[in-house]
Amino acid sequence: MKQDADGRPDVPITLEVDRETAKVLLAVLIDLGEWQAAGVPSEPLAAHECNALGAFMKKLDVALGGSGRIS
């Protein structure tokens, strides 16, 4: 079985998010891509965007075998 860089099995990771979180994540990723393409610093995120992104990052960390404590 193929392994990832950490020596763990390289298997698909599936996360479920609610519709609002998915919309926020899409908007943030699009904005970041546009800012990167333009070569300009990104704008600060709104509080609700930070909260949604933080919750998603914790879920993703746990799914990857971490503790869910993102610092």
N, C-alpha and C. Protein backbone atom coordinates (compact mmCIF):
# COMPACT_ATOMS: atom_id res chain seq x y z
N MET A 1 0.85 -1.19 0.00
CA MET A 1 0.00 0.00 0.00
C MET A 1 0.89 1.24 0.00
N LYS A 2 0.52 2.19 -0.81
CA LYS A 2 1.24 3.46 -0.89
C LYS A 2 1.14 4.20 0.45
N GLN A 3 2.22 4.87 0.85
CA GLN A 3 2.23 5.61 2.11
C GLN A 3 2.48 7.09 1.84
N ASP A 4 2.02 7.91 2.78
CA ASP A 4 2.26 9.35 2.66
C ASP A 4 3.62 9.69 3.25
N ALA A 5 3.95 10.96 3.31
CA ALA A 5 5.25 11.41 3.82
C ALA A 5 5.47 11.06 5.29
N ASP A 6 4.38 10.84 6.03
CA ASP A 6 4.49 10.49 7.45
C ASP A 6 4.53 8.98 7.67
N GLY A 7 4.53 8.20 6.57
CA GLY A 7 4.56 6.76 6.68
C GLY A 7 3.21 6.12 6.95
N ARG A 8 2.16 6.90 6.85
CA ARG A 8 0.80 6.38 7.06
C ARG A 8 0.23 5.95 5.72
N PRO A 9 -0.72 5.02 5.73
CA PRO A 9 -1.34 4.62 4.47
C PRO A 9 -1.95 5.83 3.76
N ASP A 10 -1.69 5.93 2.48
CA ASP A 10 -2.20 7.05 1.69
C ASP A 10 -3.60 6.72 1.20
N VAL A 11 -4.57 6.94 2.08
CA VAL A 11 -5.97 6.64 1.78
C VAL A 11 -6.75 7.94 1.70
N PRO A 12 -7.87 7.94 0.99
CA PRO A 12 -8.67 9.17 0.89
C PRO A 12 -9.16 9.65 2.26
N ILE A 13 -9.22 10.95 2.42
CA ILE A 13 -9.77 11.59 3.63
C ILE A 13 -11.09 12.23 3.22
N THR A 14 -12.15 11.90 3.93
CA THR A 14 -13.46 12.48 3.63
C THR A 14 -13.95 13.23 4.86
N LEU A 15 -14.33 14.48 4.65
CA LEU A 15 -14.89 15.29 5.73
C LEU A 15 -16.24 15.83 5.28
N GLU A 16 -17.17 15.88 6.19
CA GLU A 16 -18.45 16.51 5.91
C GLU A 16 -18.50 17.87 6.58
N VAL A 17 -18.95 18.85 5.83
CA VAL A 17 -19.13 20.20 6.38
C VAL A 17 -20.53 20.66 6.02
N ASP A 18 -21.05 21.54 6.83
CA ASP A 18 -22.37 22.09 6.52
C ASP A 18 -22.24 23.05 5.34
N ARG A 19 -23.38 23.37 4.74
CA ARG A 19 -23.39 24.19 3.53
C ARG A 19 -22.75 25.56 3.76
N GLU A 20 -23.04 26.20 4.87
CA GLU A 20 -22.48 27.53 5.14
C GLU A 20 -20.95 27.48 5.24
N THR A 21 -20.43 26.46 5.93
CA THR A 21 -18.97 26.31 6.03
C THR A 21 -18.36 26.08 4.65
N ALA A 22 -19.01 25.25 3.84
CA ALA A 22 -18.51 24.98 2.49
C ALA A 22 -18.46 26.27 1.67
N LYS A 23 -19.49 27.10 1.80
CA LYS A 23 -19.51 28.37 1.06
C LYS A 23 -18.39 29.30 1.52
N VAL A 24 -18.17 29.35 2.84
CA VAL A 24 -17.09 30.20 3.37
C VAL A 24 -15.74 29.69 2.89
N LEU A 25 -15.52 28.38 2.96
CA LEU A 25 -14.24 27.81 2.52
C LEU A 25 -13.99 28.10 1.05
N LEU A 26 -15.00 27.95 0.22
CA LEU A 26 -14.84 28.23 -1.21
C LEU A 26 -14.48 29.70 -1.43
N ALA A 27 -15.19 30.60 -0.77
CA ALA A 27 -14.91 32.03 -0.93
C ALA A 27 -13.50 32.38 -0.48
N VAL A 28 -13.08 31.83 0.65
CA VAL A 28 -11.73 32.11 1.17
C VAL A 28 -10.68 31.58 0.21
N LEU A 29 -10.85 30.36 -0.29
CA LEU A 29 -9.88 29.79 -1.23
C LEU A 29 -9.81 30.58 -2.54
N ILE A 30 -10.96 30.99 -3.04
CA ILE A 30 -10.97 31.81 -4.26
C ILE A 30 -10.26 33.12 -4.03
N ASP A 31 -10.58 33.79 -2.92
CA ASP A 31 -9.94 35.08 -2.61
C ASP A 31 -8.43 34.92 -2.46
N LEU A 32 -8.00 33.89 -1.73
CA LEU A 32 -6.56 33.69 -1.55
C LEU A 32 -5.86 33.45 -2.89
N GLY A 33 -6.50 32.66 -3.75
CA GLY A 33 -5.92 32.41 -5.07
C GLY A 33 -5.81 33.67 -5.89
N GLU A 34 -6.83 34.51 -5.84
CA GLU A 34 -6.80 35.76 -6.59
C GLU A 34 -5.73 36.70 -6.06
N TRP A 35 -5.60 36.79 -4.74
CA TRP A 35 -4.57 37.66 -4.16
C TRP A 35 -3.18 37.15 -4.52
N GLN A 36 -2.99 35.83 -4.47
CA GLN A 36 -1.70 35.26 -4.84
C GLN A 36 -1.39 35.54 -6.31
N ALA A 37 -2.37 35.34 -7.17
CA ALA A 37 -2.18 35.57 -8.60
C ALA A 37 -1.84 37.03 -8.89
N ALA A 38 -2.42 37.93 -8.12
CA ALA A 38 -2.16 39.35 -8.31
C ALA A 38 -0.86 39.79 -7.63
N GLY A 39 -0.30 38.92 -6.81
CA GLY A 39 0.94 39.26 -6.12
C GLY A 39 0.78 40.29 -5.03
N VAL A 40 -0.40 40.31 -4.41
CA VAL A 40 -0.65 41.27 -3.34
C VAL A 40 -0.96 40.54 -2.04
N PRO A 41 -0.73 41.18 -0.91
CA PRO A 41 -1.06 40.54 0.38
C PRO A 41 -2.56 40.30 0.49
N SER A 42 -2.92 39.23 1.18
CA SER A 42 -4.33 38.93 1.36
C SER A 42 -4.96 39.83 2.40
N GLU A 43 -6.25 40.04 2.25
CA GLU A 43 -7.00 40.85 3.20
C GLU A 43 -7.28 40.02 4.45
N PRO A 44 -7.43 40.65 5.60
CA PRO A 44 -7.81 39.92 6.81
C PRO A 44 -9.18 39.27 6.63
N LEU A 45 -9.36 38.10 7.24
CA LEU A 45 -10.64 37.41 7.17
C LEU A 45 -11.61 37.99 8.20
N ALA A 46 -12.89 37.91 7.87
CA ALA A 46 -13.93 38.31 8.82
C ALA A 46 -13.98 37.27 9.94
N ALA A 47 -14.56 37.64 11.06
CA ALA A 47 -14.61 36.74 12.22
C ALA A 47 -15.30 35.42 11.88
N HIS A 48 -16.42 35.47 11.15
CA HIS A 48 -17.13 34.23 10.82
C HIS A 48 -16.31 33.35 9.88
N GLU A 49 -15.49 33.97 9.02
CA GLU A 49 -14.61 33.20 8.14
C GLU A 49 -13.51 32.53 8.95
N CYS A 50 -12.95 33.26 9.90
CA CYS A 50 -11.91 32.68 10.78
C CYS A 50 -12.47 31.50 11.57
N ASN A 51 -13.66 31.66 12.10
CA ASN A 51 -14.28 30.58 12.88
C ASN A 51 -14.53 29.34 12.03
N ALA A 52 -15.08 29.54 10.84
CA ALA A 52 -15.37 28.41 9.95
C ALA A 52 -14.08 27.72 9.51
N LEU A 53 -13.08 28.51 9.16
CA LEU A 53 -11.81 27.94 8.74
C LEU A 53 -11.12 27.21 9.88
N GLY A 54 -11.16 27.76 11.08
CA GLY A 54 -10.56 27.11 12.24
C GLY A 54 -11.22 25.78 12.57
N ALA A 55 -12.55 25.75 12.52
CA ALA A 55 -13.27 24.50 12.79
C ALA A 55 -12.95 23.44 11.74
N PHE A 56 -12.86 23.86 10.49
CA PHE A 56 -12.52 22.92 9.41
C PHE A 56 -11.09 22.39 9.59
N MET A 57 -10.17 23.27 9.94
CA MET A 57 -8.78 22.86 10.12
C MET A 57 -8.65 21.84 11.25
N LYS A 58 -9.41 22.02 12.33
CA LYS A 58 -9.39 21.06 13.44
C LYS A 58 -9.89 19.70 12.98
N LYS A 59 -11.02 19.69 12.24
CA LYS A 59 -11.55 18.43 11.71
C LYS A 59 -10.54 17.76 10.80
N LEU A 60 -9.92 18.53 9.94
CA LEU A 60 -8.94 17.99 9.00
C LEU A 60 -7.74 17.43 9.74
N ASP A 61 -7.27 18.12 10.76
CA ASP A 61 -6.14 17.64 11.54
C ASP A 61 -6.45 16.30 12.20
N VAL A 62 -7.63 16.19 12.78
CA VAL A 62 -8.05 14.92 13.41
C VAL A 62 -8.13 13.81 12.36
N ALA A 63 -8.70 14.11 11.21
CA ALA A 63 -8.83 13.12 10.14
C ALA A 63 -7.46 12.65 9.66
N LEU A 64 -6.46 13.49 9.77
CA LEU A 64 -5.10 13.14 9.37
C LEU A 64 -4.30 12.50 10.50
N GLY A 65 -4.97 12.26 11.65
CA GLY A 65 -4.32 11.59 12.76
C GLY A 65 -3.77 12.51 13.84
N GLY A 66 -4.06 13.79 13.72
CA GLY A 66 -3.58 14.75 14.72
C GLY A 66 -4.53 14.87 15.90
N SER A 67 -4.20 15.77 16.78
CA SER A 67 -4.99 15.96 18.01
C SER A 67 -6.15 16.93 17.82
N GLY A 68 -6.14 17.68 16.72
CA GLY A 68 -7.16 18.70 16.52
C GLY A 68 -6.81 20.02 17.14
N ARG A 69 -5.63 20.07 17.74
CA ARG A 69 -5.17 21.33 18.36
C ARG A 69 -4.29 22.05 17.35
N ILE A 70 -4.85 23.04 16.73
CA ILE A 70 -4.14 23.84 15.73
C ILE A 70 -3.60 25.09 16.41
N SER A 71 -2.30 25.30 16.27
CA SER A 71 -1.73 26.51 16.90
C SER A 71 -1.08 27.38 15.87
